[in-house]
Amino acid sequence: MTVDILRGVLGWCAVINTGLLLWWFLFFVFAHDWIYRMHSKWFKIPIETFNTIHYAGMAFFKIAVFVFNIIPYFALRIVV
């Protein structure tokens, strides 16, 4: 695997993961009540805890995308 291929893979992974994060955020904002009703059928969870879980999940996912996709991509852009 060449550096160019690895850089391309990291770039597309970053784009796809950022799109997924954006989709999650928009879905959570515009369909919040529907998502909560769906999950509250399976789990008895207060709405504050539900919001906290999603907020923490989005934050973790965003950090993971930066650490594993975006930062290595830019490091390879700088080095090569």
N, C-alpha and C. Protein backbone atom coordinates (compact mmCIF):
# COMPACT_ATOMS: atom_id res chain seq x y z
N MET A 1 0.85 -1.17 0.00
CA MET A 1 0.00 0.00 0.00
C MET A 1 0.90 1.24 0.00
N THR A 2 0.67 2.09 -0.94
CA THR A 2 1.48 3.30 -1.04
C THR A 2 0.90 4.39 -0.14
N VAL A 3 1.68 5.42 0.05
CA VAL A 3 1.25 6.55 0.88
C VAL A 3 0.07 7.27 0.23
N ASP A 4 0.07 7.34 -1.09
CA ASP A 4 -1.05 8.00 -1.78
C ASP A 4 -2.37 7.25 -1.56
N ILE A 5 -2.31 5.94 -1.61
CA ILE A 5 -3.52 5.15 -1.37
C ILE A 5 -3.99 5.32 0.07
N LEU A 6 -3.07 5.27 1.01
CA LEU A 6 -3.42 5.44 2.42
C LEU A 6 -4.02 6.82 2.67
N ARG A 7 -3.44 7.82 2.06
CA ARG A 7 -3.96 9.18 2.20
C ARG A 7 -5.36 9.29 1.61
N GLY A 8 -5.58 8.65 0.48
CA GLY A 8 -6.91 8.65 -0.13
C GLY A 8 -7.93 7.93 0.74
N VAL A 9 -7.55 6.79 1.31
CA VAL A 9 -8.45 6.05 2.19
C VAL A 9 -8.80 6.87 3.42
N LEU A 10 -7.80 7.48 4.03
CA LEU A 10 -8.06 8.31 5.22
C LEU A 10 -8.95 9.51 4.88
N GLY A 11 -8.72 10.10 3.72
CA GLY A 11 -9.54 11.24 3.31
C GLY A 11 -10.99 10.84 3.12
N TRP A 12 -11.23 9.74 2.41
CA TRP A 12 -12.61 9.31 2.19
C TRP A 12 -13.26 8.81 3.47
N CYS A 13 -12.50 8.17 4.34
CA CYS A 13 -13.04 7.76 5.65
C CYS A 13 -13.47 8.99 6.44
N ALA A 14 -12.68 10.04 6.40
CA ALA A 14 -13.03 11.27 7.10
C ALA A 14 -14.30 11.88 6.53
N VAL A 15 -14.43 11.90 5.21
CA VAL A 15 -15.63 12.46 4.57
C VAL A 15 -16.86 11.64 4.94
N ILE A 16 -16.76 10.32 4.84
CA ILE A 16 -17.90 9.45 5.14
C ILE A 16 -18.28 9.54 6.61
N ASN A 17 -17.30 9.50 7.50
CA ASN A 17 -17.59 9.58 8.93
C ASN A 17 -18.14 10.94 9.33
N THR A 18 -17.65 12.00 8.73
CA THR A 18 -18.20 13.32 9.02
C THR A 18 -19.64 13.43 8.51
N GLY A 19 -19.92 12.85 7.36
CA GLY A 19 -21.29 12.80 6.85
C GLY A 19 -22.20 12.02 7.78
N LEU A 20 -21.72 10.90 8.29
CA LEU A 20 -22.50 10.11 9.23
C LEU A 20 -22.77 10.88 10.52
N LEU A 21 -21.77 11.58 11.00
CA LEU A 21 -21.95 12.40 12.20
C LEU A 21 -22.95 13.53 11.95
N LEU A 22 -22.86 14.16 10.81
CA LEU A 22 -23.81 15.21 10.46
C LEU A 22 -25.23 14.65 10.35
N TRP A 23 -25.38 13.48 9.73
CA TRP A 23 -26.69 12.84 9.62
C TRP A 23 -27.25 12.54 11.01
N TRP A 24 -26.42 11.99 11.91
CA TRP A 24 -26.84 11.69 13.27
C TRP A 24 -27.33 12.96 13.97
N PHE A 25 -26.54 14.03 13.86
CA PHE A 25 -26.91 15.29 14.50
C PHE A 25 -28.23 15.83 13.96
N LEU A 26 -28.36 15.89 12.63
CA LEU A 26 -29.58 16.43 12.03
C LEU A 26 -30.79 15.56 12.36
N PHE A 27 -30.62 14.26 12.32
CA PHE A 27 -31.71 13.35 12.67
C PHE A 27 -32.11 13.54 14.13
N PHE A 28 -31.12 13.71 14.99
CA PHE A 28 -31.39 13.91 16.41
C PHE A 28 -32.10 15.24 16.65
N VAL A 29 -31.72 16.27 15.94
CA VAL A 29 -32.33 17.59 16.13
C VAL A 29 -33.77 17.62 15.59
N PHE A 30 -33.97 17.12 14.38
CA PHE A 30 -35.26 17.26 13.74
C PHE A 30 -36.25 16.12 14.03
N ALA A 31 -35.77 14.99 14.52
CA ALA A 31 -36.65 13.87 14.83
C ALA A 31 -36.46 13.41 16.27
N HIS A 32 -36.13 14.33 17.15
CA HIS A 32 -35.81 14.00 18.53
C HIS A 32 -36.94 13.24 19.23
N ASP A 33 -38.14 13.76 19.13
CA ASP A 33 -39.26 13.12 19.83
C ASP A 33 -39.54 11.72 19.30
N TRP A 34 -39.47 11.57 18.00
CA TRP A 34 -39.70 10.25 17.41
C TRP A 34 -38.64 9.24 17.86
N ILE A 35 -37.36 9.67 17.86
CA ILE A 35 -36.28 8.80 18.30
C ILE A 35 -36.48 8.42 19.77
N TYR A 36 -36.84 9.40 20.58
CA TYR A 36 -37.04 9.12 22.00
C TYR A 36 -38.20 8.14 22.21
N ARG A 37 -39.29 8.34 21.49
CA ARG A 37 -40.42 7.41 21.62
C ARG A 37 -40.03 6.00 21.22
N MET A 38 -39.24 5.87 20.15
CA MET A 38 -38.77 4.55 19.71
C MET A 38 -37.94 3.88 20.79
N HIS A 39 -36.98 4.62 21.34
CA HIS A 39 -36.09 4.03 22.33
C HIS A 39 -36.78 3.81 23.67
N SER A 40 -37.71 4.66 24.01
CA SER A 40 -38.38 4.50 25.30
C SER A 40 -39.33 3.30 25.31
N LYS A 41 -39.65 2.75 24.14
CA LYS A 41 -40.41 1.50 24.10
C LYS A 41 -39.55 0.33 24.57
N TRP A 42 -38.26 0.40 24.28
CA TRP A 42 -37.35 -0.69 24.64
C TRP A 42 -36.69 -0.47 25.99
N PHE A 43 -36.35 0.77 26.30
CA PHE A 43 -35.61 1.09 27.52
C PHE A 43 -36.34 2.16 28.30
N LYS A 44 -36.48 1.96 29.57
CA LYS A 44 -37.07 2.99 30.43
C LYS A 44 -35.96 3.96 30.82
N ILE A 45 -35.94 5.08 30.14
CA ILE A 45 -34.85 6.04 30.32
C ILE A 45 -35.44 7.45 30.32
N PRO A 46 -35.04 8.28 31.28
CA PRO A 46 -35.53 9.67 31.26
C PRO A 46 -34.95 10.43 30.06
N ILE A 47 -35.67 11.45 29.65
CA ILE A 47 -35.26 12.20 28.45
C ILE A 47 -33.92 12.90 28.65
N GLU A 48 -33.62 13.34 29.87
CA GLU A 48 -32.34 14.00 30.12
C GLU A 48 -31.19 13.02 29.92
N THR A 49 -31.36 11.79 30.39
CA THR A 49 -30.33 10.77 30.21
C THR A 49 -30.19 10.40 28.74
N PHE A 50 -31.31 10.32 28.05
CA PHE A 50 -31.30 10.04 26.61
C PHE A 50 -30.50 11.09 25.85
N ASN A 51 -30.77 12.35 26.17
CA ASN A 51 -30.03 13.45 25.52
C ASN A 51 -28.55 13.39 25.85
N THR A 52 -28.23 13.10 27.09
CA THR A 52 -26.83 13.01 27.52
C THR A 52 -26.10 11.90 26.79
N ILE A 53 -26.75 10.76 26.64
CA ILE A 53 -26.13 9.62 25.96
C ILE A 53 -25.84 9.98 24.50
N HIS A 54 -26.80 10.61 23.83
CA HIS A 54 -26.57 10.99 22.43
C HIS A 54 -25.50 12.07 22.30
N TYR A 55 -25.52 13.04 23.18
CA TYR A 55 -24.53 14.11 23.13
C TYR A 55 -23.12 13.53 23.35
N ALA A 56 -23.00 12.66 24.35
CA ALA A 56 -21.70 12.04 24.62
C ALA A 56 -21.27 11.14 23.47
N GLY A 57 -22.21 10.43 22.88
CA GLY A 57 -21.89 9.57 21.74
C GLY A 57 -21.40 10.37 20.54
N MET A 58 -22.07 11.48 20.27
CA MET A 58 -21.63 12.33 19.15
C MET A 58 -20.25 12.93 19.44
N ALA A 59 -20.01 13.33 20.68
CA ALA A 59 -18.70 13.90 21.04
C ALA A 59 -17.61 12.84 20.89
N PHE A 60 -17.86 11.63 21.37
CA PHE A 60 -16.88 10.56 21.25
C PHE A 60 -16.60 10.24 19.78
N PHE A 61 -17.66 10.16 18.98
CA PHE A 61 -17.51 9.85 17.55
C PHE A 61 -16.71 10.94 16.84
N LYS A 62 -17.00 12.20 17.18
CA LYS A 62 -16.27 13.31 16.56
C LYS A 62 -14.80 13.26 16.91
N ILE A 63 -14.48 13.00 18.17
CA ILE A 63 -13.08 12.89 18.59
C ILE A 63 -12.40 11.73 17.88
N ALA A 64 -13.10 10.59 17.76
CA ALA A 64 -12.53 9.43 17.08
C ALA A 64 -12.25 9.73 15.61
N VAL A 65 -13.14 10.45 14.95
CA VAL A 65 -12.93 10.81 13.55
C VAL A 65 -11.70 11.70 13.42
N PHE A 66 -11.57 12.65 14.32
CA PHE A 66 -10.39 13.53 14.27
C PHE A 66 -9.11 12.74 14.52
N VAL A 67 -9.10 11.91 15.54
CA VAL A 67 -7.87 11.20 15.92
C VAL A 67 -7.47 10.15 14.90
N PHE A 68 -8.45 9.41 14.36
CA PHE A 68 -8.12 8.29 13.51
C PHE A 68 -8.21 8.57 12.00
N ASN A 69 -8.82 9.67 11.61
CA ASN A 69 -8.95 9.97 10.18
C ASN A 69 -8.33 11.29 9.78
N ILE A 70 -8.77 12.37 10.40
CA ILE A 70 -8.39 13.71 9.93
C ILE A 70 -6.95 14.05 10.29
N ILE A 71 -6.53 13.81 11.51
CA ILE A 71 -5.16 14.13 11.90
C ILE A 71 -4.14 13.29 11.12
N PRO A 72 -4.33 11.95 11.00
CA PRO A 72 -3.38 11.20 10.17
C PRO A 72 -3.37 11.64 8.71
N TYR A 73 -4.54 12.01 8.18
CA TYR A 73 -4.61 12.49 6.80
C TYR A 73 -3.74 13.74 6.63
N PHE A 74 -3.91 14.71 7.52
CA PHE A 74 -3.10 15.93 7.40
C PHE A 74 -1.63 15.68 7.69
N ALA A 75 -1.34 14.74 8.57
CA ALA A 75 0.07 14.40 8.83
C ALA A 75 0.71 13.83 7.57
N LEU A 76 0.00 12.99 6.85
CA LEU A 76 0.54 12.46 5.60
C LEU A 76 0.63 13.54 4.52
N ARG A 77 -0.30 14.48 4.53
CA ARG A 77 -0.23 15.60 3.56
C ARG A 77 1.01 16.46 3.84
N ILE A 78 1.34 16.65 5.11
CA ILE A 78 2.50 17.48 5.46
C ILE A 78 3.80 16.76 5.15
N VAL A 79 3.89 15.48 5.49
CA VAL A 79 5.13 14.73 5.35
C VAL A 79 5.45 14.43 3.89
N VAL A 80 4.44 14.05 3.12
CA VAL A 80 4.72 13.61 1.74
C VAL A 80 4.24 14.67 0.77
